[in-house]
């Protein structure tokens, strides 16, 4: 076999180097793991809406509500929360995926809103609306009545001399997101049966059904549904830890 001339050897080496560089460039142009995640995030992960609204009724404030909804949500993203008092009567709570880390709610980031309205002395309503993948969910208007067992997040709105606290919106900070992620990891480790099947490909798991239990509650007259204090009081008695605020009639 005849040995290659130096010039031929250099030509072959250059060709191999160019081929390797071309394959590397093609690989770099392919979808990164981040791009694949963006394409599949939040596509089919179910949310138990009954648990979300119960979390709202029980919460002691925005931070407590953040913790609760992130324990309910079974996906990998962290749900940020915005709380804004529109006026003396209306409050809007928004759950959203803060994808760009801006700390502001963009339309494409919304997961749900809860609108609470004070309709009279000792009475009010709230309603839950889903967005994006969850846009199919639109709850009835639920009654909030004096005498219900409520967390202070809602109950303070019925107190004499109430002044809205969130005229400047509360929004989950990056530091809070880190704390929530750590707390939720601990919570999931303590509840392995519930979180045994994780999804990072957008596949559905932990299905709750069409309206996620919306038909289990008893409707009241006028197309609205209301709850007495007993249901939530019993649940709280079983937990036995937190101090509750009872709204005077």
C-alpha atoms as a PDB file:
ATOM      1  CA  UNK A   1       0.000   0.000   0.000  1.00  0.00           C
ATOM      2  CA  UNK A   2       1.412   3.313  -1.068  1.00  0.00           C
ATOM      3  CA  UNK A   3       1.816   5.979   1.646  1.00  0.00           C
ATOM      4  CA  UNK A   4      -0.180   9.186   1.298  1.00  0.00           C
ATOM      5  CA  UNK A   5       1.668  12.276   0.250  1.00  0.00           C
ATOM      6  CA  UNK A   6       1.752  15.019   2.886  1.00  0.00           C
ATOM      7  CA  UNK A   7      -0.583  17.175   0.797  1.00  0.00           C
ATOM      8  CA  UNK A   8      -3.155  14.349   0.463  1.00  0.00           C
ATOM      9  CA  UNK A   9      -2.952  13.634   4.195  1.00  0.00           C
ATOM     10  CA  UNK A  10      -3.609  17.289   4.999  1.00  0.00           C
ATOM     11  CA  UNK A  11      -6.596  17.319   2.643  1.00  0.00           C
ATOM     12  CA  UNK A  12      -8.121  14.246   4.315  1.00  0.00           C
ATOM     13  CA  UNK A  13      -7.564  15.704   7.799  1.00  0.00           C
ATOM     14  CA  UNK A  14      -9.184  18.985   6.750  1.00  0.00           C
ATOM     15  CA  UNK A  15     -12.202  17.123   5.312  1.00  0.00           C
ATOM     16  CA  UNK A  16     -12.687  15.138   8.513  1.00  0.00           C
ATOM     17  CA  UNK A  17     -12.488  18.317  10.591  1.00  0.00           C
ATOM     18  CA  UNK A  18     -15.088  20.038   8.408  1.00  0.00           C
ATOM     19  CA  UNK A  19     -17.415  17.033   8.621  1.00  0.00           C
ATOM     20  CA  UNK A  20     -17.169  17.002  12.431  1.00  0.00           C
ATOM     21  CA  UNK A  21     -17.813  20.760  12.596  1.00  0.00           C
ATOM     22  CA  UNK A  22     -20.859  20.391  10.352  1.00  0.00           C
ATOM     23  CA  UNK A  23     -22.368  17.618  12.458  1.00  0.00           C
ATOM     24  CA  UNK A  24     -21.789  19.669  15.625  1.00  0.00           C
ATOM     25  CA  UNK A  25     -23.502  22.696  14.089  1.00  0.00           C
ATOM     26  CA  UNK A  26     -26.514  20.578  13.068  1.00  0.00           C
ATOM     27  CA  UNK A  27     -26.788  19.192  16.582  1.00  0.00           C
ATOM     28  CA  UNK A  28     -26.668  22.719  18.000  1.00  0.00           C
ATOM     29  CA  UNK A  29     -29.527  23.735  15.704  1.00  0.00           C
ATOM     30  CA  UNK A  30     -31.717  20.914  17.008  1.00  0.00           C
ATOM     31  CA  UNK A  31     -34.232  21.382  19.855  1.00  0.00           C
ATOM     32  CA  UNK A  32     -32.621  21.825  23.252  1.00  0.00           C
ATOM     33  CA  UNK A  33     -34.054  20.228  26.367  1.00  0.00           C
ATOM     34  CA  UNK A  34     -35.378  23.650  27.372  1.00  0.00           C
ATOM     35  CA  UNK A  35     -37.173  24.102  24.054  1.00  0.00           C
ATOM     36  CA  UNK A  36     -38.741  20.650  24.327  1.00  0.00           C
ATOM     37  CA  UNK A  37     -39.930  21.511  27.838  1.00  0.00           C
ATOM     38  CA  UNK A  38     -41.430  24.810  26.664  1.00  0.00           C
ATOM     39  CA  UNK A  39     -43.279  22.954  23.915  1.00  0.00           C
ATOM     40  CA  UNK A  40     -44.802  20.428  26.298  1.00  0.00           C
ATOM     41  CA  UNK A  41     -45.190  22.251  29.607  1.00  0.00           C
ATOM     42  CA  UNK A  42     -48.635  22.609  31.164  1.00  0.00           C
ATOM     43  CA  UNK A  43     -50.478  20.696  28.448  1.00  0.00           C
ATOM     44  CA  UNK A  44     -52.494  18.045  30.265  1.00  0.00           C
ATOM     45  CA  UNK A  45     -51.761  18.233  33.987  1.00  0.00           C
ATOM     46  CA  UNK A  46     -55.073  18.137  35.842  1.00  0.00           C
ATOM     47  CA  UNK A  47     -56.107  20.555  38.585  1.00  0.00           C
ATOM     48  CA  UNK A  48     -58.633  19.661  41.276  1.00  0.00           C
ATOM     49  CA  UNK A  49     -60.758  22.808  41.230  1.00  0.00           C
ATOM     50  CA  UNK A  50     -62.730  21.823  44.326  1.00  0.00           C
ATOM     51  CA  UNK A  51     -59.451  21.797  46.231  1.00  0.00           C
ATOM     52  CA  UNK A  52     -58.388  25.144  44.752  1.00  0.00           C
ATOM     53  CA  UNK A  53     -61.486  26.959  45.916  1.00  0.00           C
ATOM     54  CA  UNK A  54     -61.351  25.238  49.304  1.00  0.00           C
ATOM     55  CA  UNK A  55     -57.743  26.445  49.583  1.00  0.00           C
ATOM     56  CA  UNK A  56     -58.997  29.967  48.899  1.00  0.00           C
ATOM     57  CA  UNK A  57     -61.659  29.711  51.603  1.00  0.00           C
ATOM     58  CA  UNK A  58     -59.195  28.306  54.144  1.00  0.00           C
ATOM     59  CA  UNK A  59     -56.132  30.451  53.403  1.00  0.00           C
ATOM     60  CA  UNK A  60     -54.799  32.893  55.973  1.00  0.00           C
ATOM     61  CA  UNK A  61     -53.205  35.131  53.333  1.00  0.00           C
ATOM     62  CA  UNK A  62     -51.495  35.148  49.914  1.00  0.00           C
ATOM     63  CA  UNK A  63     -48.450  33.168  51.110  1.00  0.00           C
ATOM     64  CA  UNK A  64     -50.640  30.470  52.640  1.00  0.00           C
ATOM     65  CA  UNK A  65     -52.703  30.295  49.454  1.00  0.00           C
ATOM     66  CA  UNK A  66     -49.517  29.987  47.344  1.00  0.00           C
ATOM     67  CA  UNK A  67     -48.411  27.032  49.436  1.00  0.00           C
ATOM     68  CA  UNK A  68     -51.795  25.332  49.206  1.00  0.00           C
ATOM     69  CA  UNK A  69     -52.286  25.649  45.441  1.00  0.00           C
ATOM     70  CA  UNK A  70     -48.754  24.429  44.742  1.00  0.00           C
ATOM     71  CA  UNK A  71     -49.443  21.341  46.839  1.00  0.00           C
ATOM     72  CA  UNK A  72     -52.629  20.789  44.822  1.00  0.00           C
ATOM     73  CA  UNK A  73     -50.971  21.315  41.424  1.00  0.00           C
ATOM     74  CA  UNK A  74     -49.287  18.083  40.304  1.00  0.00           C
ATOM     75  CA  UNK A  75     -47.061  19.419  37.545  1.00  0.00           C
ATOM     76  CA  UNK A  76     -43.462  20.589  37.764  1.00  0.00           C
ATOM     77  CA  UNK A  77     -44.005  24.333  37.348  1.00  0.00           C
ATOM     78  CA  UNK A  78     -44.422  26.678  40.304  1.00  0.00           C
ATOM     79  CA  UNK A  79     -47.725  28.531  40.381  1.00  0.00           C
ATOM     80  CA  UNK A  80     -47.170  32.192  41.159  1.00  0.00           C
ATOM     81  CA  UNK A  81     -50.002  34.223  42.659  1.00  0.00           C
ATOM     82  CA  UNK A  82     -51.132  37.807  42.146  1.00  0.00           C
ATOM     83  CA  UNK A  83     -53.641  39.409  44.553  1.00  0.00           C
ATOM     84  CA  UNK A  84     -55.164  42.732  43.550  1.00  0.00           C
ATOM     85  CA  UNK A  85     -57.939  44.736  45.219  1.00  0.00           C
ATOM     86  CA  UNK A  86     -59.822  46.404  42.383  1.00  0.00           C
ATOM     87  CA  UNK A  87     -61.841  48.508  44.868  1.00  0.00           C
ATOM     88  CA  UNK A  88     -63.438  48.209  48.317  1.00  0.00           C
ATOM     89  CA  UNK A  89     -65.668  45.350  47.141  1.00  0.00           C
ATOM     90  CA  UNK A  90     -63.771  43.359  44.515  1.00  0.00           C
ATOM     91  CA  UNK A  91     -60.579  41.337  44.760  1.00  0.00           C
ATOM     92  CA  UNK A  92     -58.992  39.330  41.934  1.00  0.00           C
ATOM     93  CA  UNK A  93     -56.582  36.493  42.706  1.00  0.00           C
ATOM     94  CA  UNK A  94     -54.642  35.154  39.713  1.00  0.00           C
ATOM     95  CA  UNK A  95     -52.629  31.948  39.528  1.00  0.00           C
ATOM     96  CA  UNK A  96     -50.053  32.034  36.744  1.00  0.00           C
ATOM     97  CA  UNK A  97     -46.806  30.542  35.456  1.00  0.00           C
ATOM     98  CA  UNK A  98     -44.280  33.395  35.608  1.00  0.00           C
ATOM     99  CA  UNK A  99     -42.328  32.056  32.628  1.00  0.00           C
ATOM    100  CA  UNK A 100     -40.275  35.186  32.033  1.00  0.00           C
ATOM    101  CA  UNK A 101     -39.677  35.920  35.734  1.00  0.00           C
ATOM    102  CA  UNK A 102     -41.069  39.436  35.327  1.00  0.00           C
ATOM    103  CA  UNK A 103     -43.313  39.314  38.376  1.00  0.00           C
ATOM    104  CA  UNK A 104     -46.240  40.549  36.279  1.00  0.00           C
ATOM    105  CA  UNK A 105     -49.209  38.606  34.943  1.00  0.00           C
ATOM    106  CA  UNK A 106     -49.163  38.171  31.174  1.00  0.00           C
ATOM    107  CA  UNK A 107     -52.290  36.891  29.403  1.00  0.00           C
ATOM    108  CA  UNK A 108     -50.493  33.809  28.090  1.00  0.00           C
ATOM    109  CA  UNK A 109     -49.290  32.902  31.607  1.00  0.00           C
ATOM    110  CA  UNK A 110     -52.687  32.774  33.360  1.00  0.00           C
ATOM    111  CA  UNK A 111     -53.864  29.476  34.835  1.00  0.00           C
ATOM    112  CA  UNK A 112     -56.891  30.700  36.799  1.00  0.00           C
ATOM    113  CA  UNK A 113     -58.510  33.711  38.402  1.00  0.00           C
ATOM    114  CA  UNK A 114     -60.718  33.921  41.487  1.00  0.00           C
ATOM    115  CA  UNK A 115     -62.895  37.014  41.737  1.00  0.00           C
ATOM    116  CA  UNK A 116     -64.308  37.842  45.164  1.00  0.00           C
ATOM    117  CA  UNK A 117     -67.060  40.453  45.502  1.00  0.00           C
ATOM    118  CA  UNK A 118     -68.596  41.841  48.687  1.00  0.00           C
ATOM    119  CA  UNK A 119     -72.290  42.154  47.825  1.00  0.00           C
ATOM    120  CA  UNK A 120     -73.723  43.418  51.115  1.00  0.00           C
ATOM    121  CA  UNK A 121     -73.248  43.481  54.865  1.00  0.00           C
ATOM    122  CA  UNK A 122     -71.930  40.055  55.822  1.00  0.00           C
ATOM    123  CA  UNK A 123     -72.329  38.541  52.352  1.00  0.00           C
ATOM    124  CA  UNK A 124     -70.299  38.069  49.216  1.00  0.00           C
ATOM    125  CA  UNK A 125     -69.589  35.823  46.249  1.00  0.00           C
ATOM    126  CA  UNK A 126     -66.603  34.321  44.461  1.00  0.00           C
ATOM    127  CA  UNK A 127     -66.071  32.657  41.102  1.00  0.00           C
ATOM    128  CA  UNK A 128     -63.218  30.640  39.562  1.00  0.00           C
ATOM    129  CA  UNK A 129     -62.238  30.856  35.875  1.00  0.00           C
ATOM    130  CA  UNK A 130     -59.589  28.759  34.134  1.00  0.00           C
ATOM    131  CA  UNK A 131     -57.361  29.970  31.295  1.00  0.00           C
ATOM    132  CA  UNK A 132     -55.247  28.409  28.557  1.00  0.00           C
ATOM    133  CA  UNK A 133     -55.427  24.624  28.813  1.00  0.00           C
ATOM    134  CA  UNK A 134     -57.917  25.099  31.674  1.00  0.00           C
ATOM    135  CA  UNK A 135     -60.229  27.549  29.877  1.00  0.00           C
ATOM    136  CA  UNK A 136     -62.991  24.933  29.844  1.00  0.00           C
ATOM    137  CA  UNK A 137     -63.466  25.410  33.597  1.00  0.00           C
ATOM    138  CA  UNK A 138     -65.824  28.187  34.621  1.00  0.00           C
ATOM    139  CA  UNK A 139     -67.423  27.782  38.023  1.00  0.00           C
ATOM    140  CA  UNK A 140     -70.844  28.998  39.132  1.00  0.00           C
ATOM    141  CA  UNK A 141     -70.992  32.044  41.375  1.00  0.00           C
ATOM    142  CA  UNK A 142     -70.503  30.713  44.897  1.00  0.00           C
ATOM    143  CA  UNK A 143     -71.905  32.414  47.992  1.00  0.00           C
ATOM    144  CA  UNK A 144     -69.793  33.545  50.928  1.00  0.00           C
ATOM    145  CA  UNK A 145     -72.041  34.036  53.949  1.00  0.00           C
ATOM    146  CA  UNK A 146     -71.546  35.491  57.403  1.00  0.00           C
ATOM    147  CA  UNK A 147     -71.092  32.645  59.879  1.00  0.00           C
ATOM    148  CA  UNK A 148     -68.988  30.457  57.573  1.00  0.00           C
ATOM    149  CA  UNK A 149     -65.670  29.230  58.885  1.00  0.00           C
ATOM    150  CA  UNK A 150     -63.136  31.107  56.766  1.00  0.00           C
ATOM    151  CA  UNK A 151     -59.444  31.861  56.764  1.00  0.00           C
ATOM    152  CA  UNK A 152     -58.495  35.470  57.385  1.00  0.00           C
ATOM    153  CA  UNK A 153     -57.634  35.966  53.685  1.00  0.00           C
ATOM    154  CA  UNK A 154     -61.394  36.325  53.062  1.00  0.00           C
ATOM    155  CA  UNK A 155     -62.891  36.922  56.503  1.00  0.00           C
ATOM    156  CA  UNK A 156     -61.087  40.229  57.098  1.00  0.00           C
ATOM    157  CA  UNK A 157     -63.091  41.708  54.195  1.00  0.00           C
ATOM    158  CA  UNK A 158     -66.248  41.388  56.331  1.00  0.00           C
ATOM    159  CA  UNK A 159     -64.798  43.131  59.384  1.00  0.00           C
ATOM    160  CA  UNK A 160     -65.928  46.655  60.352  1.00  0.00           C
ATOM    161  CA  UNK A 161     -63.632  49.352  59.017  1.00  0.00           C
ATOM    162  CA  UNK A 162     -62.048  47.007  56.481  1.00  0.00           C
ATOM    163  CA  UNK A 163     -59.533  48.733  54.205  1.00  0.00           C
ATOM    164  CA  UNK A 164     -58.303  46.847  51.105  1.00  0.00           C
ATOM    165  CA  UNK A 165     -54.752  45.597  51.645  1.00  0.00           C
ATOM    166  CA  UNK A 166     -53.754  44.928  48.034  1.00  0.00           C
ATOM    167  CA  UNK A 167     -54.510  48.097  46.101  1.00  0.00           C
ATOM    168  CA  UNK A 168     -50.877  47.642  45.106  1.00  0.00           C
ATOM    169  CA  UNK A 169     -50.890  44.044  43.939  1.00  0.00           C
ATOM    170  CA  UNK A 170     -49.160  41.305  45.886  1.00  0.00           C
ATOM    171  CA  UNK A 171     -47.150  39.076  43.510  1.00  0.00           C
ATOM    172  CA  UNK A 172     -45.041  35.996  44.261  1.00  0.00           C
ATOM    173  CA  UNK A 173     -41.377  37.014  44.313  1.00  0.00           C
ATOM    174  CA  UNK A 174     -38.499  34.917  42.923  1.00  0.00           C
ATOM    175  CA  UNK A 175     -37.355  34.256  46.500  1.00  0.00           C
ATOM    176  CA  UNK A 176     -40.836  33.011  47.415  1.00  0.00           C
ATOM    177  CA  UNK A 177     -40.865  30.753  44.369  1.00  0.00           C
ATOM    178  CA  UNK A 178     -37.682  29.106  45.606  1.00  0.00           C
ATOM    179  CA  UNK A 179     -39.135  28.633  49.077  1.00  0.00           C
ATOM    180  CA  UNK A 180     -42.368  27.206  47.633  1.00  0.00           C
ATOM    181  CA  UNK A 181     -40.420  24.764  45.445  1.00  0.00           C
ATOM    182  CA  UNK A 182     -38.444  23.534  48.456  1.00  0.00           C
ATOM    183  CA  UNK A 183     -41.554  23.186  50.618  1.00  0.00           C
ATOM    184  CA  UNK A 184     -43.448  21.388  47.853  1.00  0.00           C
ATOM    185  CA  UNK A 185     -40.596  18.916  47.329  1.00  0.00           C
ATOM    186  CA  UNK A 186     -40.807  18.030  51.018  1.00  0.00           C
ATOM    187  CA  UNK A 187     -44.588  17.726  50.806  1.00  0.00           C
ATOM    188  CA  UNK A 188     -44.398  15.381  47.817  1.00  0.00           C
ATOM    189  CA  UNK A 189     -41.743  13.253  49.479  1.00  0.00           C
ATOM    190  CA  UNK A 190     -44.080  12.872  52.442  1.00  0.00           C
ATOM    191  CA  UNK A 191     -46.963  11.865  50.141  1.00  0.00           C
ATOM    192  CA  UNK A 192     -45.345   9.421  47.693  1.00  0.00           C
ATOM    193  CA  UNK A 193     -48.575   7.664  46.729  1.00  0.00           C
ATOM    194  CA  UNK A 194     -50.094  10.808  45.292  1.00  0.00           C
ATOM    195  CA  UNK A 195     -47.030  11.876  43.338  1.00  0.00           C
ATOM    196  CA  UNK A 196     -45.729   8.471  42.190  1.00  0.00           C
ATOM    197  CA  UNK A 197     -46.464   9.245  38.539  1.00  0.00           C
ATOM    198  CA  UNK A 198     -44.753  12.434  37.445  1.00  0.00           C
ATOM    199  CA  UNK A 199     -45.142  14.000  34.005  1.00  0.00           C
ATOM    200  CA  UNK A 200     -42.515  16.002  32.159  1.00  0.00           C
ATOM    201  CA  UNK A 201     -43.903  15.222  28.729  1.00  0.00           C
ATOM    202  CA  UNK A 202     -47.328  16.811  29.065  1.00  0.00           C
ATOM    203  CA  UNK A 203     -49.099  13.480  29.607  1.00  0.00           C
ATOM    204  CA  UNK A 204     -52.169  13.539  31.796  1.00  0.00           C
ATOM    205  CA  UNK A 205     -52.187  11.866  35.177  1.00  0.00           C
ATOM    206  CA  UNK A 206     -54.246  12.032  38.353  1.00  0.00           C
ATOM    207  CA  UNK A 207     -57.402  12.794  36.360  1.00  0.00           C
ATOM    208  CA  UNK A 208     -60.210  14.452  38.267  1.00  0.00           C
ATOM    209  CA  UNK A 209     -62.930  14.249  35.625  1.00  0.00           C
ATOM    210  CA  UNK A 210     -64.725  16.836  33.517  1.00  0.00           C
ATOM    211  CA  UNK A 211     -65.388  19.633  35.994  1.00  0.00           C
ATOM    212  CA  UNK A 212     -63.263  18.012  38.709  1.00  0.00           C
ATOM    213  CA  UNK A 213     -66.008  17.303  41.227  1.00  0.00           C
ATOM    214  CA  UNK A 214     -68.146  20.346  40.543  1.00  0.00           C
ATOM    215  CA  UNK A 215     -71.269  18.203  40.707  1.00  0.00           C
ATOM    216  CA  UNK A 216     -70.664  16.939  44.222  1.00  0.00           C
ATOM    217  CA  UNK A 217     -71.888  20.076  45.957  1.00  0.00           C
ATOM    218  CA  UNK A 218     -75.518  20.849  46.637  1.00  0.00           C
ATOM    219  CA  UNK A 219     -76.900  23.775  44.615  1.00  0.00           C
ATOM    220  CA  UNK A 220     -78.944  26.430  46.375  1.00  0.00           C
ATOM    221  CA  UNK A 221     -81.750  28.462  44.875  1.00  0.00           C
ATOM    222  CA  UNK A 222     -81.049  30.899  42.087  1.00  0.00           C
ATOM    223  CA  UNK A 223     -78.397  28.731  40.461  1.00  0.00           C
ATOM    224  CA  UNK A 224     -75.794  29.468  43.136  1.00  0.00           C
ATOM    225  CA  UNK A 225     -74.174  27.074  45.533  1.00  0.00           C
ATOM    226  CA  UNK A 226     -73.534  27.891  49.138  1.00  0.00           C
ATOM    227  CA  UNK A 227     -71.800  26.180  52.015  1.00  0.00           C
ATOM    228  CA  UNK A 228     -72.533  26.139  55.717  1.00  0.00           C
ATOM    229  CA  UNK A 229     -69.787  26.416  58.282  1.00  0.00           C
ATOM    230  CA  UNK A 230     -70.033  22.750  59.235  1.00  0.00           C
ATOM    231  CA  UNK A 231     -68.294  21.306  56.214  1.00  0.00           C
ATOM    232  CA  UNK A 232     -65.194  23.441  56.510  1.00  0.00           C
ATOM    233  CA  UNK A 233     -65.328  23.477  60.304  1.00  0.00           C
ATOM    234  CA  UNK A 234     -65.155  19.677  60.443  1.00  0.00           C
ATOM    235  CA  UNK A 235     -62.219  19.611  58.065  1.00  0.00           C
ATOM    236  CA  UNK A 236     -60.417  22.153  60.194  1.00  0.00           C
ATOM    237  CA  UNK A 237     -61.221  20.272  63.386  1.00  0.00           C
ATOM    238  CA  UNK A 238     -59.598  17.182  61.916  1.00  0.00           C
ATOM    239  CA  UNK A 239     -56.456  19.200  61.189  1.00  0.00           C
ATOM    240  CA  UNK A 240     -56.737  20.849  64.593  1.00  0.00           C
ATOM    241  CA  UNK A 241     -53.838  23.262  64.228  1.00  0.00           C
ATOM    242  CA  UNK A 242     -54.800  26.655  62.842  1.00  0.00           C
ATOM    243  CA  UNK A 243     -56.752  29.419  64.521  1.00  0.00           C
ATOM    244  CA  UNK A 244     -59.868  30.303  62.519  1.00  0.00           C
ATOM    245  CA  UNK A 245     -61.769  33.562  62.293  1.00  0.00           C
ATOM    246  CA  UNK A 246     -65.546  33.382  62.538  1.00  0.00           C
ATOM    247  CA  UNK A 247     -67.351  36.265  60.870  1.00  0.00           C
ATOM    248  CA  UNK A 248     -70.048  37.761  63.026  1.00  0.00           C
ATOM    249  CA  UNK A 249     -73.499  37.948  61.453  1.00  0.00           C
END
